[in-house]
C-alpha atoms as a PDB file:
ATOM      1  CA  UNK A   1       0.000   0.000   0.000  1.00  0.00           C
ATOM      2  CA  UNK A   2       1.317   3.447  -0.924  1.00  0.00           C
ATOM      3  CA  UNK A   3       2.168   5.991   1.739  1.00  0.00           C
ATOM      4  CA  UNK A   4      -0.722   8.383   2.514  1.00  0.00           C
ATOM      5  CA  UNK A   5       0.671  10.259   5.507  1.00  0.00           C
ATOM      6  CA  UNK A   6       0.473   9.994   9.261  1.00  0.00           C
ATOM      7  CA  UNK A   7      -2.523  10.150  11.558  1.00  0.00           C
ATOM      8  CA  UNK A   8      -2.039  13.319  13.593  1.00  0.00           C
ATOM      9  CA  UNK A   9      -3.958  14.169  16.735  1.00  0.00           C
ATOM     10  CA  UNK A  10      -2.883  17.800  16.753  1.00  0.00           C
ATOM     11  CA  UNK A  11      -1.804  20.486  14.327  1.00  0.00           C
ATOM     12  CA  UNK A  12       1.996  20.839  14.115  1.00  0.00           C
ATOM     13  CA  UNK A  13       3.430  23.964  15.734  1.00  0.00           C
ATOM     14  CA  UNK A  14       4.703  26.978  13.806  1.00  0.00           C
ATOM     15  CA  UNK A  15       2.332  26.751  10.838  1.00  0.00           C
ATOM     16  CA  UNK A  16       1.147  29.983   9.217  1.00  0.00           C
ATOM     17  CA  UNK A  17      -2.578  29.887   8.476  1.00  0.00           C
ATOM     18  CA  UNK A  18      -2.765  33.385   6.947  1.00  0.00           C
ATOM     19  CA  UNK A  19      -2.324  31.876   3.455  1.00  0.00           C
ATOM     20  CA  UNK A  20      -2.992  28.202   2.823  1.00  0.00           C
ATOM     21  CA  UNK A  21      -2.978  26.323  -0.469  1.00  0.00           C
ATOM     22  CA  UNK A  22      -5.294  23.893  -2.227  1.00  0.00           C
ATOM     23  CA  UNK A  23      -2.882  21.494  -3.929  1.00  0.00           C
ATOM     24  CA  UNK A  24      -4.435  19.631  -6.852  1.00  0.00           C
ATOM     25  CA  UNK A  25      -2.834  16.362  -7.961  1.00  0.00           C
ATOM     26  CA  UNK A  26      -3.786  13.676 -10.447  1.00  0.00           C
ATOM     27  CA  UNK A  27      -6.313  11.061  -9.392  1.00  0.00           C
ATOM     28  CA  UNK A  28      -6.041   7.324  -8.898  1.00  0.00           C
ATOM     29  CA  UNK A  29      -6.859   4.978 -11.764  1.00  0.00           C
ATOM     30  CA  UNK A  30      -9.881   6.091 -13.741  1.00  0.00           C
ATOM     31  CA  UNK A  31     -10.588   9.123 -11.488  1.00  0.00           C
ATOM     32  CA  UNK A  32     -10.799  12.141 -13.856  1.00  0.00           C
ATOM     33  CA  UNK A  33     -11.335  14.613 -11.005  1.00  0.00           C
ATOM     34  CA  UNK A  34      -7.936  14.332  -9.387  1.00  0.00           C
ATOM     35  CA  UNK A  35      -7.276  14.787  -5.687  1.00  0.00           C
ATOM     36  CA  UNK A  36      -6.972  17.823  -3.395  1.00  0.00           C
ATOM     37  CA  UNK A  37      -4.706  18.313  -0.399  1.00  0.00           C
ATOM     38  CA  UNK A  38      -4.308  21.288   1.913  1.00  0.00           C
ATOM     39  CA  UNK A  39      -0.818  22.772   2.298  1.00  0.00           C
ATOM     40  CA  UNK A  40      -0.038  25.026   5.257  1.00  0.00           C
ATOM     41  CA  UNK A  41       3.439  26.615   5.198  1.00  0.00           C
ATOM     42  CA  UNK A  42       5.662  27.191   8.191  1.00  0.00           C
ATOM     43  CA  UNK A  43       5.742  30.687   9.659  1.00  0.00           C
ATOM     44  CA  UNK A  44       8.163  32.829   7.683  1.00  0.00           C
ATOM     45  CA  UNK A  45      10.367  33.709  10.626  1.00  0.00           C
ATOM     46  CA  UNK A  46      10.711  30.005  11.493  1.00  0.00           C
ATOM     47  CA  UNK A  47      11.665  28.622   8.090  1.00  0.00           C
ATOM     48  CA  UNK A  48      11.931  29.890   4.542  1.00  0.00           C
ATOM     49  CA  UNK A  49      10.282  26.815   3.102  1.00  0.00           C
ATOM     50  CA  UNK A  50       8.363  23.806   4.208  1.00  0.00           C
ATOM     51  CA  UNK A  51       5.145  23.147   5.970  1.00  0.00           C
ATOM     52  CA  UNK A  52       2.598  20.359   6.154  1.00  0.00           C
ATOM     53  CA  UNK A  53       0.121  18.787   3.776  1.00  0.00           C
ATOM     54  CA  UNK A  54      -3.207  17.426   4.995  1.00  0.00           C
ATOM     55  CA  UNK A  55      -5.555  15.109   3.137  1.00  0.00           C
ATOM     56  CA  UNK A  56      -8.391  12.655   3.411  1.00  0.00           C
ATOM     57  CA  UNK A  57      -8.146   9.406   1.479  1.00  0.00           C
ATOM     58  CA  UNK A  58     -10.280   6.340   1.982  1.00  0.00           C
ATOM     59  CA  UNK A  59     -13.929   5.724   2.788  1.00  0.00           C
ATOM     60  CA  UNK A  60     -13.998   6.123   6.581  1.00  0.00           C
ATOM     61  CA  UNK A  61     -10.591   7.203   7.863  1.00  0.00           C
ATOM     62  CA  UNK A  62      -8.853   9.868   9.864  1.00  0.00           C
ATOM     63  CA  UNK A  63      -7.304  12.728   7.883  1.00  0.00           C
ATOM     64  CA  UNK A  64      -3.564  12.379   7.332  1.00  0.00           C
ATOM     65  CA  UNK A  65      -0.673  14.793   7.662  1.00  0.00           C
ATOM     66  CA  UNK A  66       2.418  14.757   5.485  1.00  0.00           C
ATOM     67  CA  UNK A  67       5.682  16.627   5.911  1.00  0.00           C
ATOM     68  CA  UNK A  68       7.282  18.003   2.749  1.00  0.00           C
ATOM     69  CA  UNK A  69       9.361  14.824   2.577  1.00  0.00           C
ATOM     70  CA  UNK A  70       6.233  12.739   3.185  1.00  0.00           C
ATOM     71  CA  UNK A  71       4.462  14.538   0.334  1.00  0.00           C
ATOM     72  CA  UNK A  72       7.356  13.696  -2.003  1.00  0.00           C
ATOM     73  CA  UNK A  73       7.136  10.056  -0.885  1.00  0.00           C
ATOM     74  CA  UNK A  74       3.341  10.049  -1.364  1.00  0.00           C
ATOM     75  CA  UNK A  75       3.682  11.456  -4.879  1.00  0.00           C
ATOM     76  CA  UNK A  76       6.430   8.985  -5.787  1.00  0.00           C
ATOM     77  CA  UNK A  77       4.662   5.899  -4.383  1.00  0.00           C
ATOM     78  CA  UNK A  78       1.253   6.749  -5.852  1.00  0.00           C
ATOM     79  CA  UNK A  79       2.620   7.877  -9.227  1.00  0.00           C
ATOM     80  CA  UNK A  80       0.641  11.122  -8.985  1.00  0.00           C
ATOM     81  CA  UNK A  81       1.657  14.432 -10.506  1.00  0.00           C
ATOM     82  CA  UNK A  82       0.949  17.878  -9.135  1.00  0.00           C
ATOM     83  CA  UNK A  83      -1.406  19.790 -11.410  1.00  0.00           C
ATOM     84  CA  UNK A  84      -1.555  23.183  -9.668  1.00  0.00           C
ATOM     85  CA  UNK A  85      -1.791  25.075  -6.373  1.00  0.00           C
ATOM     86  CA  UNK A  86      -4.273  27.752  -5.422  1.00  0.00           C
ATOM     87  CA  UNK A  87      -3.428  30.251  -2.694  1.00  0.00           C
ATOM     88  CA  UNK A  88      -6.276  30.874  -0.261  1.00  0.00           C
ATOM     89  CA  UNK A  89      -5.868  33.983   1.930  1.00  0.00           C
ATOM     90  CA  UNK A  90      -7.604  33.554   5.280  1.00  0.00           C
ATOM     91  CA  UNK A  91      -9.068  36.383   7.359  1.00  0.00           C
ATOM     92  CA  UNK A  92      -9.383  34.152  10.435  1.00  0.00           C
ATOM     93  CA  UNK A  93      -6.215  32.011  10.599  1.00  0.00           C
ATOM     94  CA  UNK A  94      -6.934  30.778  14.115  1.00  0.00           C
ATOM     95  CA  UNK A  95     -10.382  29.607  12.963  1.00  0.00           C
ATOM     96  CA  UNK A  96      -8.798  27.504  10.203  1.00  0.00           C
ATOM     97  CA  UNK A  97      -6.277  26.060  12.623  1.00  0.00           C
ATOM     98  CA  UNK A  98      -9.041  25.187  15.100  1.00  0.00           C
ATOM     99  CA  UNK A  99     -11.136  23.577  12.357  1.00  0.00           C
ATOM    100  CA  UNK A 100      -8.176  21.496  11.165  1.00  0.00           C
ATOM    101  CA  UNK A 101      -7.465  20.422  14.762  1.00  0.00           C
ATOM    102  CA  UNK A 102     -11.096  19.341  15.102  1.00  0.00           C
ATOM    103  CA  UNK A 103     -11.107  17.405  11.824  1.00  0.00           C
ATOM    104  CA  UNK A 104      -7.834  15.614  12.578  1.00  0.00           C
ATOM    105  CA  UNK A 105      -9.600  13.885  15.458  1.00  0.00           C
ATOM    106  CA  UNK A 106     -12.698  12.768  13.536  1.00  0.00           C
ATOM    107  CA  UNK A 107     -13.271  10.071  10.995  1.00  0.00           C
ATOM    108  CA  UNK A 108     -13.889  11.543   7.560  1.00  0.00           C
ATOM    109  CA  UNK A 109     -16.660   9.751   5.708  1.00  0.00           C
ATOM    110  CA  UNK A 110     -15.782   9.857   2.016  1.00  0.00           C
ATOM    111  CA  UNK A 111     -18.920  10.248  -0.127  1.00  0.00           C
ATOM    112  CA  UNK A 112     -17.226  10.531  -3.534  1.00  0.00           C
ATOM    113  CA  UNK A 113     -18.401  13.942  -4.839  1.00  0.00           C
ATOM    114  CA  UNK A 114     -20.342  15.719  -2.059  1.00  0.00           C
ATOM    115  CA  UNK A 115     -17.970  14.968   0.839  1.00  0.00           C
ATOM    116  CA  UNK A 116     -14.569  14.321  -0.648  1.00  0.00           C
ATOM    117  CA  UNK A 117     -10.993  15.612  -0.591  1.00  0.00           C
ATOM    118  CA  UNK A 118     -12.016  19.002  -2.021  1.00  0.00           C
ATOM    119  CA  UNK A 119     -14.735  19.371   0.614  1.00  0.00           C
ATOM    120  CA  UNK A 120     -12.081  18.739   3.284  1.00  0.00           C
ATOM    121  CA  UNK A 121      -9.944  21.628   1.975  1.00  0.00           C
ATOM    122  CA  UNK A 122     -13.041  23.855   1.638  1.00  0.00           C
ATOM    123  CA  UNK A 123     -14.125  23.052   5.194  1.00  0.00           C
ATOM    124  CA  UNK A 124     -10.828  24.257   6.654  1.00  0.00           C
ATOM    125  CA  UNK A 125     -10.782  27.334   4.386  1.00  0.00           C
ATOM    126  CA  UNK A 126     -14.301  28.241   5.544  1.00  0.00           C
ATOM    127  CA  UNK A 127     -13.155  27.868   9.151  1.00  0.00           C
ATOM    128  CA  UNK A 128     -10.582  30.513   8.265  1.00  0.00           C
ATOM    129  CA  UNK A 129     -13.142  32.925   6.847  1.00  0.00           C
ATOM    130  CA  UNK A 130     -12.727  32.111   3.142  1.00  0.00           C
ATOM    131  CA  UNK A 131     -15.492  31.199   0.737  1.00  0.00           C
ATOM    132  CA  UNK A 132     -13.059  29.642  -1.749  1.00  0.00           C
ATOM    133  CA  UNK A 133     -14.073  26.294  -3.108  1.00  0.00           C
ATOM    134  CA  UNK A 134     -15.354  24.286  -6.019  1.00  0.00           C
ATOM    135  CA  UNK A 135     -18.869  24.081  -7.411  1.00  0.00           C
ATOM    136  CA  UNK A 136     -18.478  20.519  -8.654  1.00  0.00           C
ATOM    137  CA  UNK A 137     -15.975  19.203  -6.071  1.00  0.00           C
ATOM    138  CA  UNK A 138     -13.946  17.910  -9.020  1.00  0.00           C
ATOM    139  CA  UNK A 139     -10.543  19.545  -8.321  1.00  0.00           C
ATOM    140  CA  UNK A 140      -8.843  18.997 -11.680  1.00  0.00           C
ATOM    141  CA  UNK A 141     -11.824  20.337 -13.662  1.00  0.00           C
ATOM    142  CA  UNK A 142     -12.256  23.823 -12.221  1.00  0.00           C
ATOM    143  CA  UNK A 143     -10.472  26.608 -10.379  1.00  0.00           C
ATOM    144  CA  UNK A 144     -10.417  26.533  -6.596  1.00  0.00           C
ATOM    145  CA  UNK A 145     -11.573  30.087  -5.992  1.00  0.00           C
ATOM    146  CA  UNK A 146     -14.206  32.254  -4.399  1.00  0.00           C
ATOM    147  CA  UNK A 147     -17.728  31.811  -5.808  1.00  0.00           C
ATOM    148  CA  UNK A 148     -18.459  33.490  -9.134  1.00  0.00           C
ATOM    149  CA  UNK A 149     -21.015  35.893  -7.631  1.00  0.00           C
ATOM    150  CA  UNK A 150     -18.399  37.259  -5.201  1.00  0.00           C
ATOM    151  CA  UNK A 151     -15.868  37.799  -7.972  1.00  0.00           C
ATOM    152  CA  UNK A 152     -18.545  39.406 -10.198  1.00  0.00           C
ATOM    153  CA  UNK A 153     -19.650  41.763  -7.416  1.00  0.00           C
ATOM    154  CA  UNK A 154     -16.056  42.869  -6.804  1.00  0.00           C
ATOM    155  CA  UNK A 155     -15.529  43.530 -10.520  1.00  0.00           C
ATOM    156  CA  UNK A 156     -18.732  45.587 -10.798  1.00  0.00           C
ATOM    157  CA  UNK A 157     -17.762  47.536  -7.680  1.00  0.00           C
ATOM    158  CA  UNK A 158     -14.250  48.145  -9.076  1.00  0.00           C
ATOM    159  CA  UNK A 159     -15.661  49.429 -12.396  1.00  0.00           C
ATOM    160  CA  UNK A 160     -18.161  51.751 -10.675  1.00  0.00           C
ATOM    161  CA  UNK A 161     -15.417  53.180  -8.483  1.00  0.00           C
ATOM    162  CA  UNK A 162     -13.178  53.647 -11.514  1.00  0.00           C
ATOM    163  CA  UNK A 163     -15.912  55.585 -13.343  1.00  0.00           C
ATOM    164  CA  UNK A 164     -17.188  57.723 -10.491  1.00  0.00           C
ATOM    165  CA  UNK A 165     -14.141  58.078  -8.254  1.00  0.00           C
ATOM    166  CA  UNK A 166     -11.176  58.345 -10.604  1.00  0.00           C
ATOM    167  CA  UNK A 167      -8.841  59.837  -7.984  1.00  0.00           C
END
């Protein structure tokens, strides 16, 4: 069996939850949707690089944590390739950390599309005050971003301000 990470009962120290990342990798076998993991970097004053990856894999299992080295091992042993990463700024970093801590100690029930790896990443991002996510929960088929209506509202607001408040 390929390496999937370690069961962790607590969030590692010195992680920076102000900006987390949805990491999209290729799927297993015939899975066209790929797989999503959460990456949380170390605090900048602690280390210039590194952090931890978190994922759910399996039908009813605890989430797993992977160091940077563990992620490389996971990718090598599963034959996956990284497709992309999406930065997710969080307005409530402590909320995301608390949500991750809570989820690490619960079984995750994998329900294919509605409650899958992407939903796990979204859940933690929402705990941190972000609305970023996927409409289809198919990570390799769409952009992990804020909902369309939020982006559209911001663009309309930006254009109105540009027209009526040019200075």
